[in-house]
Structures are given as structure tokens and as C-alpha cells.
PDB file of N, CA and C in Angstrom:
ATOM      1  N   MET A   1      -0.270  -3.780   3.515  1.00  0.00           N
ATOM      2  CA  MET A   1      -1.296  -4.224   4.754  1.00  0.00           C
ATOM      3  C   MET A   1      -2.840  -4.235   3.593  1.00  0.00           C
ATOM      4  N   THR A   2      -2.252  -4.879   3.081  1.00  0.00           N
ATOM      5  CA  THR A   2      -3.334  -5.797   1.859  1.00  0.00           C
ATOM      6  C   THR A   2      -4.382  -6.975   2.582  1.00  0.00           C
ATOM      7  N   SER A   3      -3.421  -6.892   4.347  1.00  0.00           N
ATOM      8  CA  SER A   3      -4.420  -8.364   5.275  1.00  0.00           C
ATOM      9  C   SER A   3      -4.928  -8.098   6.280  1.00  0.00           C
ATOM     10  N   LEU A   4      -5.308  -6.022   5.874  1.00  0.00           N
ATOM     11  CA  LEU A   4      -6.259  -5.538   6.387  1.00  0.00           C
ATOM     12  C   LEU A   4      -7.559  -6.014   5.694  1.00  0.00           C
ATOM     13  N   SER A   5      -8.265  -5.150   6.451  1.00  0.00           N
ATOM     14  CA  SER A   5      -9.583  -5.468   5.844  1.00  0.00           C
ATOM     15  C   SER A   5     -10.194  -3.937   5.542  1.00  0.00           C
ATOM     16  N   SER A   6     -11.110  -3.739   4.685  1.00  0.00           N
ATOM     17  CA  SER A   6     -11.380  -2.040   4.447  1.00  0.00           C
ATOM     18  C   SER A   6     -10.981  -1.825   5.913  1.00  0.00           C
ATOM     19  N   LYS A   7     -12.402  -1.427   6.717  1.00  0.00           N
ATOM     20  CA  LYS A   7     -12.530  -0.919   7.479  1.00  0.00           C
ATOM     21  C   LYS A   7     -11.290  -0.425   8.777  1.00  0.00           C
ATOM     22  N   GLU A   8     -10.596  -1.529   8.471  1.00  0.00           N
ATOM     23  CA  GLU A   8      -8.954  -1.966   9.325  1.00  0.00           C
ATOM     24  C   GLU A   8      -8.462  -0.088   8.036  1.00  0.00           C
ATOM     25  N   VAL A   9      -8.450   0.031   7.248  1.00  0.00           N
ATOM     26  CA  VAL A   9      -7.458   1.005   6.221  1.00  0.00           C
ATOM     27  C   VAL A   9      -7.865   2.074   6.934  1.00  0.00           C
ATOM     28  N   LEU A  10      -9.355   2.584   6.317  1.00  0.00           N
ATOM     29  CA  LEU A  10      -9.999   3.726   6.231  1.00  0.00           C
ATOM     30  C   LEU A  10      -9.854   3.972   7.399  1.00  0.00           C
ATOM     31  N   ARG A  11     -10.517   3.456   8.251  1.00  0.00           N
ATOM     32  CA  ARG A  11     -10.088   4.180  10.588  1.00  0.00           C
ATOM     33  C   ARG A  11      -8.498   4.578  10.223  1.00  0.00           C
ATOM     34  N   ALA A  12      -7.197   4.266   9.986  1.00  0.00           N
ATOM     35  CA  ALA A  12      -6.139   4.538   9.907  1.00  0.00           C
ATOM     36  C   ALA A  12      -6.184   5.990   8.631  1.00  0.00           C
ATOM     37  N   VAL A  13      -6.800   6.019   7.953  1.00  0.00           N
ATOM     38  CA  VAL A  13      -6.105   7.172   6.732  1.00  0.00           C
ATOM     39  C   VAL A  13      -7.276   8.337   7.157  1.00  0.00           C
ATOM     40  N   ASN A  14      -8.402   7.985   7.951  1.00  0.00           N
ATOM     41  CA  ASN A  14      -9.711   9.082   7.806  1.00  0.00           C
ATOM     42  C   ASN A  14      -8.711   9.741   8.581  1.00  0.00           C
ATOM     43  N   PRO A  15      -7.623   9.593   9.262  1.00  0.00           N
ATOM     44  CA  PRO A  15      -7.562  10.948  10.374  1.00  0.00           C
ATOM     45  C   PRO A  15      -6.106  11.028   9.873  1.00  0.00           C
ATOM     46  N   VAL A  16      -5.702  11.407   8.355  1.00  0.00           N
ATOM     47  CA  VAL A  16      -4.594  11.336   7.692  1.00  0.00           C
ATOM     48  C   VAL A  16      -5.492  12.755   6.874  1.00  0.00           C
ATOM     49  N   LEU A  17      -6.813  12.117   6.518  1.00  0.00           N
ATOM     50  CA  LEU A  17      -7.277  12.855   5.542  1.00  0.00           C
ATOM     51  C   LEU A  17      -8.020  13.945   6.408  1.00  0.00           C
ATOM     52  N   ARG A  18      -8.243  13.908   7.715  1.00  0.00           N
ATOM     53  CA  ARG A  18      -8.803  14.820   8.190  1.00  0.00           C
ATOM     54  C   ARG A  18      -7.821  15.949   8.722  1.00  0.00           C
ATOM     55  N   SER A  19      -7.067  15.419   8.812  1.00  0.00           N
ATOM     56  CA  SER A  19      -6.080  16.857   9.379  1.00  0.00           C
ATOM     57  C   SER A  19      -5.539  17.715   7.623  1.00  0.00           C
ATOM     58  N   TRP A  20      -5.300  16.781   6.495  1.00  0.00           N
ATOM     59  CA  TRP A  20      -5.054  17.370   5.827  1.00  0.00           C
ATOM     60  C   TRP A  20      -6.109  18.583   4.821  1.00  0.00           C
ATOM     61  N   VAL A  21      -7.804  18.348   5.576  1.00  0.00           N
ATOM     62  CA  VAL A  21      -8.805  19.031   5.179  1.00  0.00           C
ATOM     63  C   VAL A  21      -8.177  20.158   6.138  1.00  0.00           C
ATOM     64  N   ALA A  22      -7.887  20.261   7.152  1.00  0.00           N
ATOM     65  CA  ALA A  22      -8.321  21.201   8.501  1.00  0.00           C
ATOM     66  C   ALA A  22      -6.322  22.128   7.501  1.00  0.00           C
ATOM     67  N   TYR A  23      -6.165  21.336   7.319  1.00  0.00           N
ATOM     68  CA  TYR A  23      -4.474  22.664   7.194  1.00  0.00           C
ATOM     69  C   TYR A  23      -5.146  22.913   5.714  1.00  0.00           C
ATOM     70  N   PHE A  24      -5.203  22.585   4.905  1.00  0.00           N
ATOM     71  CA  PHE A  24      -5.853  23.173   3.122  1.00  0.00           C
ATOM     72  C   PHE A  24      -7.243  24.200   3.719  1.00  0.00           C
ATOM     73  N   ARG A  25      -8.117  23.976   5.180  1.00  0.00           N
ATOM     74  CA  ARG A  25      -9.439  24.814   5.055  1.00  0.00           C
ATOM     75  C   ARG A  25      -8.758  26.257   4.554  1.00  0.00           C
ATOM     76  N   TYR A  26      -8.418  26.923   4.561  1.00  0.00           N
ATOM     77  CA  TYR A  26      -7.990  28.682   4.817  1.00  0.00           C
ATOM     78  C   TYR A  26      -7.304  28.510   3.037  1.00  0.00           C
ATOM     79  N   GLY A  27      -7.202  27.784   2.662  1.00  0.00           N
ATOM     80  CA  GLY A  27      -6.086  28.158   0.700  1.00  0.00           C
ATOM     81  C   GLY A  27      -6.874  28.335  -0.223  1.00  0.00           C
ATOM     82  N   VAL A  28      -6.701  28.020  -0.832  1.00  0.00           N
ATOM     83  CA  VAL A  28      -7.323  27.018  -2.412  1.00  0.00           C
ATOM     84  C   VAL A  28      -7.842  25.918  -2.752  1.00  0.00           C
ATOM     85  N   SER A  29      -8.625  25.586  -1.328  1.00  0.00           N
ATOM     86  CA  SER A  29      -9.292  24.593  -1.327  1.00  0.00           C
ATOM     87  C   SER A  29     -10.558  23.660  -1.935  1.00  0.00           C
ATOM     88  N   LYS A  30     -10.897  24.210  -3.295  1.00  0.00           N
ATOM     89  CA  LYS A  30     -11.437  23.217  -4.995  1.00  0.00           C
ATOM     90  C   LYS A  30     -10.433  23.252  -4.809  1.00  0.00           C
ATOM     91  N   GLN A  31      -9.668  23.425  -5.478  1.00  0.00           N
ATOM     92  CA  GLN A  31      -8.626  22.094  -6.294  1.00  0.00           C
ATOM     93  C   GLN A  31      -7.850  21.170  -5.153  1.00  0.00           C
ATOM     94  N   THR A  32      -7.523  22.031  -4.216  1.00  0.00           N
ATOM     95  CA  THR A  32      -6.578  21.053  -3.483  1.00  0.00           C
ATOM     96  C   THR A  32      -7.471  19.879  -2.759  1.00  0.00           C
ATOM     97  N   PHE A  33      -8.314  19.976  -2.515  1.00  0.00           N
ATOM     98  CA  PHE A  33      -9.689  19.316  -2.140  1.00  0.00           C
ATOM     99  C   PHE A  33     -10.025  18.606  -3.512  1.00  0.00           C
ATOM    100  N   SER A  34     -10.089  18.677  -4.342  1.00  0.00           N
ATOM    101  CA  SER A  34     -10.829  17.629  -5.737  1.00  0.00           C
ATOM    102  C   SER A  34      -9.233  17.132  -6.478  1.00  0.00           C
ATOM    103  N   TYR A  35      -7.661  17.399  -5.646  1.00  0.00           N
ATOM    104  CA  TYR A  35      -6.982  15.935  -5.813  1.00  0.00           C
ATOM    105  C   TYR A  35      -6.671  15.800  -4.749  1.00  0.00           C
ATOM    106  N   LEU A  36      -7.154  15.949  -3.759  1.00  0.00           N
ATOM    107  CA  LEU A  36      -6.665  14.495  -2.413  1.00  0.00           C
ATOM    108  C   LEU A  36      -7.912  14.095  -2.038  1.00  0.00           C
ATOM    109  N   GLY A  37      -9.000  13.883  -3.285  1.00  0.00           N
ATOM    110  CA  GLY A  37     -10.052  13.697  -3.232  1.00  0.00           C
ATOM    111  C   GLY A  37     -10.385  11.921  -3.988  1.00  0.00           C
ATOM    112  N   TRP A  38      -9.269  13.224  -5.332  1.00  0.00           N
ATOM    113  CA  TRP A  38      -8.075  12.285  -6.657  1.00  0.00           C
ATOM    114  C   TRP A  38      -7.790  11.148  -5.168  1.00  0.00           C
ATOM    115  N   TYR A  39      -6.950  11.991  -5.292  1.00  0.00           N
ATOM    116  CA  TYR A  39      -5.246  10.646  -4.500  1.00  0.00           C
ATOM    117  C   TYR A  39      -5.779   9.808  -3.671  1.00  0.00           C
ATOM    118  N   ALA A  40      -6.965   9.675  -3.318  1.00  0.00           N
ATOM    119  CA  ALA A  40      -7.373   9.103  -1.909  1.00  0.00           C
ATOM    120  C   ALA A  40      -8.434   8.111  -2.813  1.00  0.00           C
ATOM    121  N   TRP A  41      -8.272   8.357  -4.096  1.00  0.00           N
ATOM    122  CA  TRP A  41      -9.903   6.710  -4.126  1.00  0.00           C
ATOM    123  C   TRP A  41      -8.943   6.285  -5.330  1.00  0.00           C
ATOM    124  N   ARG A  42      -7.518   6.879  -5.603  1.00  0.00           N
ATOM    125  CA  ARG A  42      -6.901   6.379  -6.771  1.00  0.00           C
ATOM    126  C   ARG A  42      -6.037   5.107  -5.378  1.00  0.00           C
ATOM    127  N   ARG A  43      -5.530   6.202  -4.806  1.00  0.00           N
ATOM    128  CA  ARG A  43      -4.637   4.675  -3.743  1.00  0.00           C
ATOM    129  C   ARG A  43      -5.369   3.298  -3.009  1.00  0.00           C
ATOM    130  N   MET A  44      -6.965   4.022  -2.847  1.00  0.00           N
ATOM    131  CA  MET A  44      -7.858   2.458  -2.347  1.00  0.00           C
ATOM    132  C   MET A  44      -8.086   2.489  -3.672  1.00  0.00           C
ATOM    133  N   THR A  45      -8.315   2.018  -4.714  1.00  0.00           N
ATOM    134  CA  THR A  45      -8.633   1.261  -6.227  1.00  0.00           C
ATOM    135  C   THR A  45      -7.141   0.185  -5.904  1.00  0.00           C
ATOM    136  N   LEU A  46      -6.403   1.181  -5.710  1.00  0.00           N
ATOM    137  CA  LEU A  46      -4.410   0.323  -5.834  1.00  0.00           C
ATOM    138  C   LEU A  46      -4.631  -0.903  -4.243  1.00  0.00           C
ATOM    139  N   TRP A  47      -5.180  -0.567  -3.624  1.00  0.00           N
ATOM    140  CA  TRP A  47      -4.751  -1.338  -2.371  1.00  0.00           C
ATOM    141  C   TRP A  47      -6.123  -2.149  -2.786  1.00  0.00           C
ATOM    142  N   ILE A  48      -6.792  -2.295  -3.152  1.00  0.00           N
ATOM    143  CA  ILE A  48      -8.328  -2.825  -3.398  1.00  0.00           C
ATOM    144  C   ILE A  48      -7.897  -3.879  -4.557  1.00  0.00           C
ATOM    145  N   ARG A  49      -6.924  -3.443  -5.641  1.00  0.00           N
ATOM    146  CA  ARG A  49      -5.662  -4.338  -6.280  1.00  0.00           C
ATOM    147  C   ARG A  49      -5.396  -5.482  -6.192  1.00  0.00           C
ATOM    148  N   CYS A  50      -3.876  -5.131  -5.159  1.00  0.00           N
ATOM    149  CA  CYS A  50      -3.266  -5.544  -4.688  1.00  0.00           C
ATOM    150  C   CYS A  50      -3.912  -6.280  -3.885  1.00  0.00           C
ATOM    151  N   LYS A  51      -5.226  -6.583  -2.852  1.00  0.00           N
ATOM    152  CA  LYS A  51      -5.484  -7.499  -2.672  1.00  0.00           C
ATOM    153  C   LYS A  51      -6.403  -8.719  -3.621  1.00  0.00           C
ATOM    154  N   HIS A  52      -6.923  -7.933  -4.146  1.00  0.00           N
ATOM    155  CA  HIS A  52      -7.687  -8.586  -5.382  1.00  0.00           C
ATOM    156  C   HIS A  52      -7.554  -9.258  -7.019  1.00  0.00           C
ATOM    157  N   PRO A  53      -6.266  -9.008  -6.351  1.00  0.00           N
ATOM    158  CA  PRO A  53      -5.447  -9.398  -8.640  1.00  0.00           C
ATOM    159  C   PRO A  53      -6.477 -10.103  -9.337  1.00  0.00           C
ATOM    160  N   ARG A  54      -7.297 -10.613  -8.658  1.00  0.00           N
ATOM    161  CA  ARG A  54      -8.161 -11.524  -9.919  1.00  0.00           C
ATOM    162  C   ARG A  54      -9.525 -10.967 -10.391  1.00  0.00           C
ATOM    163  N   MET A  55     -10.017 -10.135  -9.657  1.00  0.00           N
ATOM    164  CA  MET A  55     -10.733  -9.268  -9.624  1.00  0.00           C
ATOM    165  C   MET A  55     -10.462  -8.731 -11.020  1.00  0.00           C
ATOM    166  N   THR A  56     -11.709  -8.072 -11.926  1.00  0.00           N
ATOM    167  CA  THR A  56     -11.352  -6.742 -12.934  1.00  0.00           C
ATOM    168  C   THR A  56     -12.309  -6.250 -12.432  1.00  0.00           C
TER     169      THR A  56
END
């Protein structure tokens, strides 16, 4: 997916994140959403690093 723009990647990821939020809304929300936020942030930083390998 490194050939896609960040806008396209976020449009693809957004429905998945929304469905996870809807699924976990009634459970242990704080811990789940905290992990989900961390995981999404980590994956996006890894994607950016793959897309721009020389950037620090």
C-alpha cells in the first residue's frame, strides 16, 4: 500500500475503525479504545516509514 496516498489509506482504514468502535462500544471501552488508538497510530507510522524510508 505504499503507492497510495495518505488520504486513500485513511479512507480505507476509516470504515474498519468505525466498525470496531461500534462492536466494542458496550464492552470495556476505555481499555479497548486505548489499545485501538495505539495500534492505529503504530500502523500508520510504520506505513509512513515504508513509504519514506529516508525520513527520520
